[in-house]
């Protein structure tokens, strides 16, 4: 249902752009859904870091506010997470999903930030 990509190994201060494709979601559902990016660091619970509703209303966790930007491309049924000024504490596996009416989780994409 969901395919995340774009993770990698990056030095602190660097940037990455994550993508989440939802090819099996019909366009109207994709557009009406509240999409979220989550992350899970080793030993921690999965946490919500960014949401987008209606293609415009966004919210961010305090820890990423001002550094991360969530966006979407409806024609590609893809949700993005632009991550700038990365910190070692951003290291985690990143996932996307609908915030309500979740679909099966994807494999996630690993982000590792070294200092």
PDB file of N, CA and C in Angstrom:
ATOM      1  N   UNK A   1       0.804  -1.216   0.000  1.00  0.00           N
ATOM      2  CA  UNK A   1       0.000   0.000   0.000  1.00  0.00           C
ATOM      3  C   UNK A   1       0.838   1.269   0.000  1.00  0.00           C
ATOM      4  N   UNK A   2       1.892   1.285   0.805  1.00  0.00           N
ATOM      5  CA  UNK A   2       2.733   2.472   0.941  1.00  0.00           C
ATOM      6  C   UNK A   2       4.190   2.085   0.718  1.00  0.00           C
ATOM      7  N   UNK A   3       4.897   2.942  -0.009  1.00  0.00           N
ATOM      8  CA  UNK A   3       6.301   2.669  -0.304  1.00  0.00           C
ATOM      9  C   UNK A   3       7.098   3.919   0.005  1.00  0.00           C
ATOM     10  N   UNK A   4       7.914   3.835   1.052  1.00  0.00           N
ATOM     11  CA  UNK A   4       8.757   4.964   1.438  1.00  0.00           C
ATOM     12  C   UNK A   4      10.142   4.805   0.830  1.00  0.00           C
ATOM     13  N   UNK A   5      10.765   5.948   0.519  1.00  0.00           N
ATOM     14  CA  UNK A   5      12.124   5.935  -0.018  1.00  0.00           C
ATOM     15  C   UNK A   5      12.786   7.274   0.272  1.00  0.00           C
ATOM     16  N   UNK A   6      14.077   7.330  -0.008  1.00  0.00           N
ATOM     17  CA  UNK A   6      14.801   8.594   0.109  1.00  0.00           C
ATOM     18  C   UNK A   6      15.710   8.704   1.314  1.00  0.00           C
ATOM     19  N   UNK A   7      15.664   7.721   2.194  1.00  0.00           N
ATOM     20  CA  UNK A   7      16.529   7.772   3.365  1.00  0.00           C
ATOM     21  C   UNK A   7      17.978   7.554   3.000  1.00  0.00           C
ATOM     22  N   UNK A   8      18.828   7.684   4.003  1.00  0.00           N
ATOM     23  CA  UNK A   8      20.246   7.475   3.762  1.00  0.00           C
ATOM     24  C   UNK A   8      21.081   7.912   4.941  1.00  0.00           C
ATOM     25  N   UNK A   9      22.384   7.933   4.708  1.00  0.00           N
ATOM     26  CA  UNK A   9      23.355   8.356   5.713  1.00  0.00           C
ATOM     27  C   UNK A   9      23.778   9.777   5.378  1.00  0.00           C
ATOM     28  N   UNK A  10      23.670  10.672   6.331  1.00  0.00           N
ATOM     29  CA  UNK A  10      23.959  12.080   6.071  1.00  0.00           C
ATOM     30  C   UNK A  10      24.627  12.705   7.278  1.00  0.00           C
ATOM     31  N   UNK A  11      25.500  13.646   7.008  1.00  0.00           N
ATOM     32  CA  UNK A  11      26.163  14.353   8.086  1.00  0.00           C
ATOM     33  C   UNK A  11      25.214  15.367   8.710  1.00  0.00           C
ATOM     34  N   UNK A  12      25.382  15.615   9.990  1.00  0.00           N
ATOM     35  CA  UNK A  12      24.566  16.619  10.682  1.00  0.00           C
ATOM     36  C   UNK A  12      24.639  17.948   9.921  1.00  0.00           C
ATOM     37  N   UNK A  13      23.486  18.592   9.802  1.00  0.00           N
ATOM     38  CA  UNK A  13      23.407  19.824   9.044  1.00  0.00           C
ATOM     39  C   UNK A  13      22.970  19.623   7.610  1.00  0.00           C
ATOM     40  N   UNK A  14      22.980  18.375   7.172  1.00  0.00           N
ATOM     41  CA  UNK A  14      22.608  18.067   5.802  1.00  0.00           C
ATOM     42  C   UNK A  14      21.108  17.942   5.617  1.00  0.00           C
ATOM     43  N   UNK A  15      20.723  17.542   4.412  1.00  0.00           N
ATOM     44  CA  UNK A  15      19.306  17.459   4.037  1.00  0.00           C
ATOM     45  C   UNK A  15      19.003  16.132   3.360  1.00  0.00           C
ATOM     46  N   UNK A  16      17.767  15.723   3.488  1.00  0.00           N
ATOM     47  CA  UNK A  16      17.231  14.580   2.758  1.00  0.00           C
ATOM     48  C   UNK A  16      15.793  14.879   2.399  1.00  0.00           C
ATOM     49  N   UNK A  17      15.333  14.258   1.313  1.00  0.00           N
ATOM     50  CA  UNK A  17      13.928  14.369   0.924  1.00  0.00           C
ATOM     51  C   UNK A  17      13.346  12.971   0.849  1.00  0.00           C
ATOM     52  N   UNK A  18      12.393  12.696   1.709  1.00  0.00           N
ATOM     53  CA  UNK A  18      11.743  11.395   1.730  1.00  0.00           C
ATOM     54  C   UNK A  18      10.496  11.427   0.866  1.00  0.00           C
ATOM     55  N   UNK A  19      10.189  10.287   0.267  1.00  0.00           N
ATOM     56  CA  UNK A  19       8.993  10.140  -0.542  1.00  0.00           C
ATOM     57  C   UNK A  19       8.168   8.973  -0.039  1.00  0.00           C
ATOM     58  N   UNK A  20       6.870   9.089  -0.167  1.00  0.00           N
ATOM     59  CA  UNK A  20       5.955   8.016   0.205  1.00  0.00           C
ATOM     60  C   UNK A  20       4.917   7.902  -0.894  1.00  0.00           C
ATOM     61  N   UNK A  21       4.965   6.798  -1.624  1.00  0.00           N
ATOM     62  CA  UNK A  21       4.016   6.578  -2.696  1.00  0.00           C
ATOM     63  C   UNK A  21       2.868   5.715  -2.203  1.00  0.00           C
ATOM     64  N   UNK A  22       1.668   6.093  -2.651  1.00  0.00           N
ATOM     65  CA  UNK A  22       0.462   5.351  -2.270  1.00  0.00           C
ATOM     66  C   UNK A  22      -0.265   4.932  -3.533  1.00  0.00           C
ATOM     67  N   UNK A  23       0.332   4.033  -4.305  1.00  0.00           N
ATOM     68  CA  UNK A  23      -0.218   3.724  -5.634  1.00  0.00           C
ATOM     69  C   UNK A  23      -1.585   3.071  -5.620  1.00  0.00           C
ATOM     70  N   UNK A  24      -1.936   2.425  -4.511  1.00  0.00           N
ATOM     71  CA  UNK A  24      -3.217   1.718  -4.466  1.00  0.00           C
ATOM     72  C   UNK A  24      -4.335   2.560  -3.887  1.00  0.00           C
ATOM     73  N   UNK A  25      -4.008   3.807  -3.521  1.00  0.00           N
ATOM     74  CA  UNK A  25      -5.023   4.702  -2.972  1.00  0.00           C
ATOM     75  C   UNK A  25      -5.660   5.478  -4.103  1.00  0.00           C
ATOM     76  N   UNK A  26      -6.986   5.450  -4.169  1.00  0.00           N
ATOM     77  CA  UNK A  26      -7.621   6.216  -5.230  1.00  0.00           C
ATOM     78  C   UNK A  26      -7.432   7.704  -4.963  1.00  0.00           C
ATOM     79  N   UNK A  27      -7.409   8.477  -6.033  1.00  0.00           N
ATOM     80  CA  UNK A  27      -7.012   9.878  -5.947  1.00  0.00           C
ATOM     81  C   UNK A  27      -7.887  10.672  -4.987  1.00  0.00           C
ATOM     82  N   UNK A  28      -9.186  10.451  -5.029  1.00  0.00           N
ATOM     83  CA  UNK A  28     -10.079  11.227  -4.155  1.00  0.00           C
ATOM     84  C   UNK A  28      -9.796  10.929  -2.684  1.00  0.00           C
ATOM     85  N   UNK A  29      -9.495   9.696  -2.387  1.00  0.00           N
ATOM     86  CA  UNK A  29      -9.163   9.332  -1.013  1.00  0.00           C
ATOM     87  C   UNK A  29      -7.816   9.933  -0.629  1.00  0.00           C
ATOM     88  N   UNK A  30      -6.856   9.870  -1.548  1.00  0.00           N
ATOM     89  CA  UNK A  30      -5.543  10.461  -1.298  1.00  0.00           C
ATOM     90  C   UNK A  30      -5.689  11.944  -0.951  1.00  0.00           C
ATOM     91  N   UNK A  31      -6.489  12.652  -1.726  1.00  0.00           N
ATOM     92  CA  UNK A  31      -6.626  14.095  -1.525  1.00  0.00           C
ATOM     93  C   UNK A  31      -7.365  14.452  -0.252  1.00  0.00           C
ATOM     94  N   UNK A  32      -8.274  13.625   0.184  1.00  0.00           N
ATOM     95  CA  UNK A  32      -9.077  13.952   1.362  1.00  0.00           C
ATOM     96  C   UNK A  32      -8.442  13.474   2.665  1.00  0.00           C
ATOM     97  N   UNK A  33      -7.447  12.629   2.548  1.00  0.00           N
ATOM     98  CA  UNK A  33      -6.847  12.053   3.758  1.00  0.00           C
ATOM     99  C   UNK A  33      -5.947  13.053   4.473  1.00  0.00           C
ATOM    100  N   UNK A  34      -5.817  12.855   5.776  1.00  0.00           N
ATOM    101  CA  UNK A  34      -4.788  13.543   6.552  1.00  0.00           C
ATOM    102  C   UNK A  34      -3.580  12.612   6.560  1.00  0.00           C
ATOM    103  N   UNK A  35      -2.502  13.056   5.943  1.00  0.00           N
ATOM    104  CA  UNK A  35      -1.295  12.240   5.837  1.00  0.00           C
ATOM    105  C   UNK A  35      -0.295  12.631   6.910  1.00  0.00           C
ATOM    106  N   UNK A  36       0.397  11.635   7.383  1.00  0.00           N
ATOM    107  CA  UNK A  36       1.390  11.887   8.412  1.00  0.00           C
ATOM    108  C   UNK A  36       2.693  11.187   8.127  1.00  0.00           C
ATOM    109  N   UNK A  37       3.782  11.821   8.531  1.00  0.00           N
ATOM    110  CA  UNK A  37       5.089  11.175   8.557  1.00  0.00           C
ATOM    111  C   UNK A  37       5.397  10.837  10.014  1.00  0.00           C
ATOM    112  N   UNK A  38       5.841   9.626  10.229  1.00  0.00           N
ATOM    113  CA  UNK A  38       6.180   9.129  11.544  1.00  0.00           C
ATOM    114  C   UNK A  38       7.643   8.680  11.532  1.00  0.00           C
ATOM    115  N   UNK A  39       8.194   8.545  12.724  1.00  0.00           N
ATOM    116  CA  UNK A  39       9.527   7.959  12.803  1.00  0.00           C
ATOM    117  C   UNK A  39       9.634   7.115  14.061  1.00  0.00           C
ATOM    118  N   UNK A  40      10.512   6.146  13.980  1.00  0.00           N
ATOM    119  CA  UNK A  40      10.750   5.264  15.111  1.00  0.00           C
ATOM    120  C   UNK A  40      12.240   5.024  15.250  1.00  0.00           C
ATOM    121  N   UNK A  41      12.779   5.508  16.354  1.00  0.00           N
ATOM    122  CA  UNK A  41      14.187   5.287  16.662  1.00  0.00           C
ATOM    123  C   UNK A  41      14.315   3.991  17.474  1.00  0.00           C
ATOM    124  N   UNK A  42      15.475   3.356  17.450  1.00  0.00           N
ATOM    125  CA  UNK A  42      15.666   2.106  18.200  1.00  0.00           C
ATOM    126  C   UNK A  42      15.296   2.273  19.670  1.00  0.00           C
ATOM    127  N   UNK A  43      14.463   1.369  20.163  1.00  0.00           N
ATOM    128  CA  UNK A  43      14.066   1.402  21.558  1.00  0.00           C
ATOM    129  C   UNK A  43      12.961   2.392  21.878  1.00  0.00           C
ATOM    130  N   UNK A  44      12.524   3.132  20.882  1.00  0.00           N
ATOM    131  CA  UNK A  44      11.474   4.141  21.099  1.00  0.00           C
ATOM    132  C   UNK A  44      10.184   3.746  20.402  1.00  0.00           C
ATOM    133  N   UNK A  45       9.099   4.362  20.847  1.00  0.00           N
ATOM    134  CA  UNK A  45       7.830   4.166  20.158  1.00  0.00           C
ATOM    135  C   UNK A  45       7.791   5.031  18.903  1.00  0.00           C
ATOM    136  N   UNK A  46       6.948   4.632  17.994  1.00  0.00           N
ATOM    137  CA  UNK A  46       6.750   5.424  16.783  1.00  0.00           C
ATOM    138  C   UNK A  46       6.131   6.768  17.172  1.00  0.00           C
ATOM    139  N   UNK A  47       6.671   7.844  16.609  1.00  0.00           N
ATOM    140  CA  UNK A  47       6.151   9.178  16.908  1.00  0.00           C
ATOM    141  C   UNK A  47       5.767   9.883  15.612  1.00  0.00           C
ATOM    142  N   UNK A  48       4.763  10.721  15.736  1.00  0.00           N
ATOM    143  CA  UNK A  48       4.270  11.498  14.602  1.00  0.00           C
ATOM    144  C   UNK A  48       5.084  12.782  14.520  1.00  0.00           C
ATOM    145  N   UNK A  49       5.653  13.076  13.348  1.00  0.00           N
ATOM    146  CA  UNK A  49       6.485  14.276  13.243  1.00  0.00           C
ATOM    147  C   UNK A  49       5.873  15.350  12.357  1.00  0.00           C
ATOM    148  N   UNK A  50       4.997  14.976  11.433  1.00  0.00           N
ATOM    149  CA  UNK A  50       4.420  15.979  10.542  1.00  0.00           C
ATOM    150  C   UNK A  50       3.105  15.465   9.979  1.00  0.00           C
ATOM    151  N   UNK A  51       2.155  16.365   9.812  1.00  0.00           N
ATOM    152  CA  UNK A  51       0.880  16.010   9.198  1.00  0.00           C
ATOM    153  C   UNK A  51       0.490  17.048   8.161  1.00  0.00           C
ATOM    154  N   UNK A  52      -0.318  16.583   7.206  1.00  0.00           N
ATOM    155  CA  UNK A  52      -0.864  17.488   6.193  1.00  0.00           C
ATOM    156  C   UNK A  52      -2.308  17.112   5.950  1.00  0.00           C
ATOM    157  N   UNK A  53      -3.193  18.106   6.022  1.00  0.00           N
ATOM    158  CA  UNK A  53      -4.608  17.888   5.761  1.00  0.00           C
ATOM    159  C   UNK A  53      -5.036  18.786   4.613  1.00  0.00           C
ATOM    160  N   UNK A  54      -5.805  18.221   3.707  1.00  0.00           N
ATOM    161  CA  UNK A  54      -6.340  19.016   2.618  1.00  0.00           C
ATOM    162  C   UNK A  54      -5.297  19.612   1.706  1.00  0.00           C
ATOM    163  N   UNK A  55      -4.101  19.105   1.790  1.00  0.00           N
ATOM    164  CA  UNK A  55      -3.051  19.605   0.915  1.00  0.00           C
ATOM    165  C   UNK A  55      -2.415  20.903   1.350  1.00  0.00           C
ATOM    166  N   UNK A  56      -2.925  21.509   2.451  1.00  0.00           N
ATOM    167  CA  UNK A  56      -2.386  22.809   2.842  1.00  0.00           C
ATOM    168  C   UNK A  56      -2.131  22.941   4.334  1.00  0.00           C
ATOM    169  N   UNK A  57      -2.989  22.388   5.154  1.00  0.00           N
ATOM    170  CA  UNK A  57      -2.857  22.544   6.603  1.00  0.00           C
ATOM    171  C   UNK A  57      -1.806  21.574   7.124  1.00  0.00           C
ATOM    172  N   UNK A  58      -0.757  22.141   7.675  1.00  0.00           N
ATOM    173  CA  UNK A  58       0.348  21.309   8.150  1.00  0.00           C
ATOM    174  C   UNK A  58       0.588  21.542   9.637  1.00  0.00           C
ATOM    175  N   UNK A  59       1.092  20.515  10.273  1.00  0.00           N
ATOM    176  CA  UNK A  59       1.489  20.607  11.673  1.00  0.00           C
ATOM    177  C   UNK A  59       2.754  19.786  11.876  1.00  0.00           C
ATOM    178  N   UNK A  60       3.568  20.226  12.813  1.00  0.00           N
ATOM    179  CA  UNK A  60       4.854  19.582  13.046  1.00  0.00           C
ATOM    180  C   UNK A  60       5.102  19.394  14.525  1.00  0.00           C
ATOM    181  N   UNK A  61       5.820  18.335  14.831  1.00  0.00           N
ATOM    182  CA  UNK A  61       6.311  18.164  16.193  1.00  0.00           C
ATOM    183  C   UNK A  61       7.312  19.271  16.493  1.00  0.00           C
ATOM    184  N   UNK A  62       7.365  19.674  17.747  1.00  0.00           N
ATOM    185  CA  UNK A  62       8.268  20.756  18.121  1.00  0.00           C
ATOM    186  C   UNK A  62       9.713  20.446  17.753  1.00  0.00           C
ATOM    187  N   UNK A  63      10.072  19.192  17.821  1.00  0.00           N
ATOM    188  CA  UNK A  63      11.460  18.802  17.582  1.00  0.00           C
ATOM    189  C   UNK A  63      11.896  18.998  16.130  1.00  0.00           C
ATOM    190  N   UNK A  64      10.930  19.120  15.204  1.00  0.00           N
ATOM    191  CA  UNK A  64      11.292  19.253  13.789  1.00  0.00           C
ATOM    192  C   UNK A  64      10.791  20.553  13.186  1.00  0.00           C
ATOM    193  N   UNK A  65      10.027  21.311  13.937  1.00  0.00           N
ATOM    194  CA  UNK A  65       9.437  22.543  13.421  1.00  0.00           C
ATOM    195  C   UNK A  65      10.529  23.491  12.929  1.00  0.00           C
ATOM    196  N   UNK A  66      10.314  24.035  11.729  1.00  0.00           N
ATOM    197  CA  UNK A  66      11.284  24.937  11.148  1.00  0.00           C
ATOM    198  C   UNK A  66      12.369  24.242  10.352  1.00  0.00           C
ATOM    199  N   UNK A  67      12.440  22.920  10.472  1.00  0.00           N
ATOM    200  CA  UNK A  67      13.473  22.170   9.737  1.00  0.00           C
ATOM    201  C   UNK A  67      12.859  21.208   8.717  1.00  0.00           C
ATOM    202  N   UNK A  68      11.695  20.655   9.024  1.00  0.00           N
ATOM    203  CA  UNK A  68      11.039  19.681   8.151  1.00  0.00           C
ATOM    204  C   UNK A  68       9.835  20.330   7.474  1.00  0.00           C
ATOM    205  N   UNK A  69       9.557  19.898   6.255  1.00  0.00           N
ATOM    206  CA  UNK A  69       8.390  20.378   5.515  1.00  0.00           C
ATOM    207  C   UNK A  69       7.704  19.199   4.848  1.00  0.00           C
ATOM    208  N   UNK A  70       6.403  19.053   5.126  1.00  0.00           N
ATOM    209  CA  UNK A  70       5.612  18.006   4.490  1.00  0.00           C
ATOM    210  C   UNK A  70       4.884  18.605   3.301  1.00  0.00           C
ATOM    211  N   UNK A  71       4.794  17.839   2.227  1.00  0.00           N
ATOM    212  CA  UNK A  71       4.080  18.293   1.035  1.00  0.00           C
ATOM    213  C   UNK A  71       3.550  17.068   0.308  1.00  0.00           C
ATOM    214  N   UNK A  72       2.783  17.311  -0.742  1.00  0.00           N
ATOM    215  CA  UNK A  72       2.251  16.180  -1.506  1.00  0.00           C
ATOM    216  C   UNK A  72       2.117  16.556  -2.968  1.00  0.00           C
ATOM    217  N   UNK A  73       2.092  15.535  -3.789  1.00  0.00           N
ATOM    218  CA  UNK A  73       1.818  15.686  -5.220  1.00  0.00           C
ATOM    219  C   UNK A  73       0.674  14.730  -5.537  1.00  0.00           C
ATOM    220  N   UNK A  74      -0.521  15.271  -5.711  1.00  0.00           N
ATOM    221  CA  UNK A  74      -1.687  14.419  -5.925  1.00  0.00           C
ATOM    222  C   UNK A  74      -1.592  13.643  -7.230  1.00  0.00           C
ATOM    223  N   UNK A  75      -0.997  14.239  -8.232  1.00  0.00           N
ATOM    224  CA  UNK A  75      -0.908  13.554  -9.527  1.00  0.00           C
ATOM    225  C   UNK A  75      -0.030  12.310  -9.439  1.00  0.00           C
ATOM    226  N   UNK A  76       0.895  12.326  -8.504  1.00  0.00           N
ATOM    227  CA  UNK A  76       1.780  11.172  -8.298  1.00  0.00           C
ATOM    228  C   UNK A  76       1.354  10.338  -7.093  1.00  0.00           C
ATOM    229  N   UNK A  77       0.344  10.772  -6.396  1.00  0.00           N
ATOM    230  CA  UNK A  77      -0.109  10.115  -5.156  1.00  0.00           C
ATOM    231  C   UNK A  77       1.095   9.849  -4.264  1.00  0.00           C
ATOM    232  N   UNK A  78       1.830  10.918  -4.036  1.00  0.00           N
ATOM    233  CA  UNK A  78       3.071  10.841  -3.266  1.00  0.00           C
ATOM    234  C   UNK A  78       3.100  11.949  -2.221  1.00  0.00           C
ATOM    235  N   UNK A  79       3.522  11.586  -1.025  1.00  0.00           N
ATOM    236  CA  UNK A  79       3.721  12.532   0.061  1.00  0.00           C
ATOM    237  C   UNK A  79       5.220  12.654   0.304  1.00  0.00           C
ATOM    238  N   UNK A  80       5.678  13.875   0.530  1.00  0.00           N
ATOM    239  CA  UNK A  80       7.112  14.118   0.708  1.00  0.00           C
ATOM    240  C   UNK A  80       7.397  14.665   2.102  1.00  0.00           C
ATOM    241  N   UNK A  81       8.624  14.479   2.538  1.00  0.00           N
ATOM    242  CA  UNK A  81       9.110  15.110   3.757  1.00  0.00           C
ATOM    243  C   UNK A  81      10.501  15.648   3.458  1.00  0.00           C
ATOM    244  N   UNK A  82      10.589  16.953   3.341  1.00  0.00           N
ATOM    245  CA  UNK A  82      11.873  17.609   3.152  1.00  0.00           C
ATOM    246  C   UNK A  82      12.471  17.851   4.526  1.00  0.00           C
ATOM    247  N   UNK A  83      13.668  17.337   4.742  1.00  0.00           N
ATOM    248  CA  UNK A  83      14.310  17.448   6.049  1.00  0.00           C
ATOM    249  C   UNK A  83      15.612  18.212   5.888  1.00  0.00           C
ATOM    250  N   UNK A  84      15.681  19.353   6.529  1.00  0.00           N
ATOM    251  CA  UNK A  84      16.866  20.199   6.482  1.00  0.00           C
ATOM    252  C   UNK A  84      17.493  20.310   7.861  1.00  0.00           C
ATOM    253  N   UNK A  85      18.735  20.723   7.888  1.00  0.00           N
ATOM    254  CA  UNK A  85      19.477  20.913   9.142  1.00  0.00           C
ATOM    255  C   UNK A  85      19.315  19.689  10.037  1.00  0.00           C
ATOM    256  N   UNK A  86      19.569  18.552   9.478  1.00  0.00           N
ATOM    257  CA  UNK A  86      19.386  17.306  10.204  1.00  0.00           C
ATOM    258  C   UNK A  86      20.321  17.212  11.396  1.00  0.00           C
ATOM    259  N   UNK A  87      19.823  16.542  12.425  1.00  0.00           N
ATOM    260  CA  UNK A  87      20.569  16.342  13.673  1.00  0.00           C
ATOM    261  C   UNK A  87      20.708  14.847  13.935  1.00  0.00           C
ATOM    262  N   UNK A  88      21.694  14.449  14.710  1.00  0.00           N
ATOM    263  CA  UNK A  88      21.829  13.017  15.036  1.00  0.00           C
ATOM    264  C   UNK A  88      20.567  12.437  15.668  1.00  0.00           C
ATOM    265  N   UNK A  89      19.842  13.242  16.427  1.00  0.00           N
ATOM    266  CA  UNK A  89      18.616  12.747  17.059  1.00  0.00           C
ATOM    267  C   UNK A  89      17.477  12.529  16.073  1.00  0.00           C
ATOM    268  N   UNK A  90      17.656  12.914  14.829  1.00  0.00           N
ATOM    269  CA  UNK A  90      16.670  12.609  13.790  1.00  0.00           C
ATOM    270  C   UNK A  90      16.835  11.189  13.247  1.00  0.00           C
ATOM    271  N   UNK A  91      17.882  10.508  13.672  1.00  0.00           N
ATOM    272  CA  UNK A  91      18.113   9.142  13.212  1.00  0.00           C
ATOM    273  C   UNK A  91      16.960   8.243  13.611  1.00  0.00           C
ATOM    274  N   UNK A  92      16.374   7.581  12.631  1.00  0.00           N
ATOM    275  CA  UNK A  92      15.204   6.734  12.862  1.00  0.00           C
ATOM    276  C   UNK A  92      14.792   6.099  11.530  1.00  0.00           C
ATOM    277  N   UNK A  93      13.853   5.177  11.617  1.00  0.00           N
ATOM    278  CA  UNK A  93      13.163   4.704  10.422  1.00  0.00           C
ATOM    279  C   UNK A  93      11.916   5.569  10.260  1.00  0.00           C
ATOM    280  N   UNK A  94      11.734   6.098   9.069  1.00  0.00           N
ATOM    281  CA  UNK A  94      10.626   7.002   8.791  1.00  0.00           C
ATOM    282  C   UNK A  94       9.549   6.285   7.981  1.00  0.00           C
ATOM    283  N   UNK A  95       8.310   6.510   8.384  1.00  0.00           N
ATOM    284  CA  UNK A  95       7.149   5.906   7.747  1.00  0.00           C
ATOM    285  C   UNK A  95       6.116   6.984   7.439  1.00  0.00           C
ATOM    286  N   UNK A  96       5.248   6.697   6.496  1.00  0.00           N
ATOM    287  CA  UNK A  96       4.092   7.551   6.298  1.00  0.00           C
ATOM    288  C   UNK A  96       2.842   6.698   6.407  1.00  0.00           C
ATOM    289  N   UNK A  97       1.733   7.349   6.679  1.00  0.00           N
ATOM    290  CA  UNK A  97       0.439   6.678   6.699  1.00  0.00           C
ATOM    291  C   UNK A  97      -0.645   7.734   6.824  1.00  0.00           C
ATOM    292  N   UNK A  98      -1.850   7.297   6.616  1.00  0.00           N
ATOM    293  CA  UNK A  98      -2.981   8.168   6.882  1.00  0.00           C
ATOM    294  C   UNK A  98      -3.162   8.250   8.390  1.00  0.00           C
ATOM    295  N   UNK A  99      -3.455   9.418   8.885  1.00  0.00           N
ATOM    296  CA  UNK A  99      -3.586   9.587  10.337  1.00  0.00           C
ATOM    297  C   UNK A  99      -4.881   8.973  10.851  1.00  0.00           C
ATOM    298  N   UNK A 100      -5.878   8.875  10.012  1.00  0.00           N
ATOM    299  CA  UNK A 100      -7.085   8.127  10.340  1.00  0.00           C
ATOM    300  C   UNK A 100      -7.274   7.098   9.237  1.00  0.00           C
ATOM    301  N   UNK A 101      -7.955   6.044   9.527  1.00  0.00           N
ATOM    302  CA  UNK A 101      -8.174   4.957   8.561  1.00  0.00           C
ATOM    303  C   UNK A 101      -6.836   4.507   7.977  1.00  0.00           C
ATOM    304  N   UNK A 102      -5.940   4.121   8.879  1.00  0.00           N
ATOM    305  CA  UNK A 102      -4.617   3.679   8.455  1.00  0.00           C
ATOM    306  C   UNK A 102      -4.720   2.504   7.493  1.00  0.00           C
ATOM    307  N   UNK A 103      -3.753   2.452   6.616  1.00  0.00           N
ATOM    308  CA  UNK A 103      -3.579   1.287   5.745  1.00  0.00           C
ATOM    309  C   UNK A 103      -2.357   0.535   6.264  1.00  0.00           C
ATOM    310  N   UNK A 104      -2.109  -0.684   5.758  1.00  0.00           N
ATOM    311  CA  UNK A 104      -0.938  -1.431   6.229  1.00  0.00           C
ATOM    312  C   UNK A 104       0.338  -0.616   6.074  1.00  0.00           C
ATOM    313  N   UNK A 105       1.172  -0.662   7.082  1.00  0.00           N
ATOM    314  CA  UNK A 105       2.400   0.128   7.079  1.00  0.00           C
ATOM    315  C   UNK A 105       3.390  -0.423   6.059  1.00  0.00           C
ATOM    316  N   UNK A 106       4.138   0.511   5.480  1.00  0.00           N
ATOM    317  CA  UNK A 106       5.212   0.118   4.578  1.00  0.00           C
ATOM    318  C   UNK A 106       6.448  -0.284   5.364  1.00  0.00           C
ATOM    319  N   UNK A 107       7.534  -0.493   4.644  1.00  0.00           N
ATOM    320  CA  UNK A 107       8.793  -0.914   5.251  1.00  0.00           C
ATOM    321  C   UNK A 107       9.536   0.244   5.893  1.00  0.00           C
ATOM    322  N   UNK A 108       9.158   1.452   5.531  1.00  0.00           N
ATOM    323  CA  UNK A 108       9.875   2.603   6.057  1.00  0.00           C
ATOM    324  C   UNK A 108      11.175   2.838   5.317  1.00  0.00           C
ATOM    325  N   UNK A 109      11.799   3.963   5.628  1.00  0.00           N
ATOM    326  CA  UNK A 109      13.097   4.284   5.034  1.00  0.00           C
ATOM    327  C   UNK A 109      14.014   4.764   6.151  1.00  0.00           C
ATOM    328  N   UNK A 110      15.224   4.220   6.186  1.00  0.00           N
ATOM    329  CA  UNK A 110      16.152   4.489   7.273  1.00  0.00           C
ATOM    330  C   UNK A 110      16.882   5.810   7.044  1.00  0.00           C
ATOM    331  N   UNK A 111      16.904   6.626   8.088  1.00  0.00           N
ATOM    332  CA  UNK A 111      17.675   7.866   8.082  1.00  0.00           C
ATOM    333  C   UNK A 111      18.693   7.779   9.220  1.00  0.00           C
ATOM    334  N   UNK A 112      19.957   7.976   8.873  1.00  0.00           N
ATOM    335  CA  UNK A 112      21.018   7.991   9.867  1.00  0.00           C
ATOM    336  C   UNK A 112      21.795   9.289   9.725  1.00  0.00           C
ATOM    337  N   UNK A 113      21.880  10.017  10.821  1.00  0.00           N
ATOM    338  CA  UNK A 113      22.571  11.298  10.824  1.00  0.00           C
ATOM    339  C   UNK A 113      23.773  11.188  11.756  1.00  0.00           C
ATOM    340  N   UNK A 114      24.952  11.460  11.215  1.00  0.00           N
ATOM    341  CA  UNK A 114      26.163  11.369  12.033  1.00  0.00           C
ATOM    342  C   UNK A 114      26.745  12.758  12.234  1.00  0.00           C
ATOM    343  N   UNK A 115      27.399  12.914  13.369  1.00  0.00           N
ATOM    344  CA  UNK A 115      27.969  14.229  13.694  1.00  0.00           C
ATOM    345  C   UNK A 115      29.434  14.295  13.310  1.00  0.00           C
TER     346      UNK A 115
END
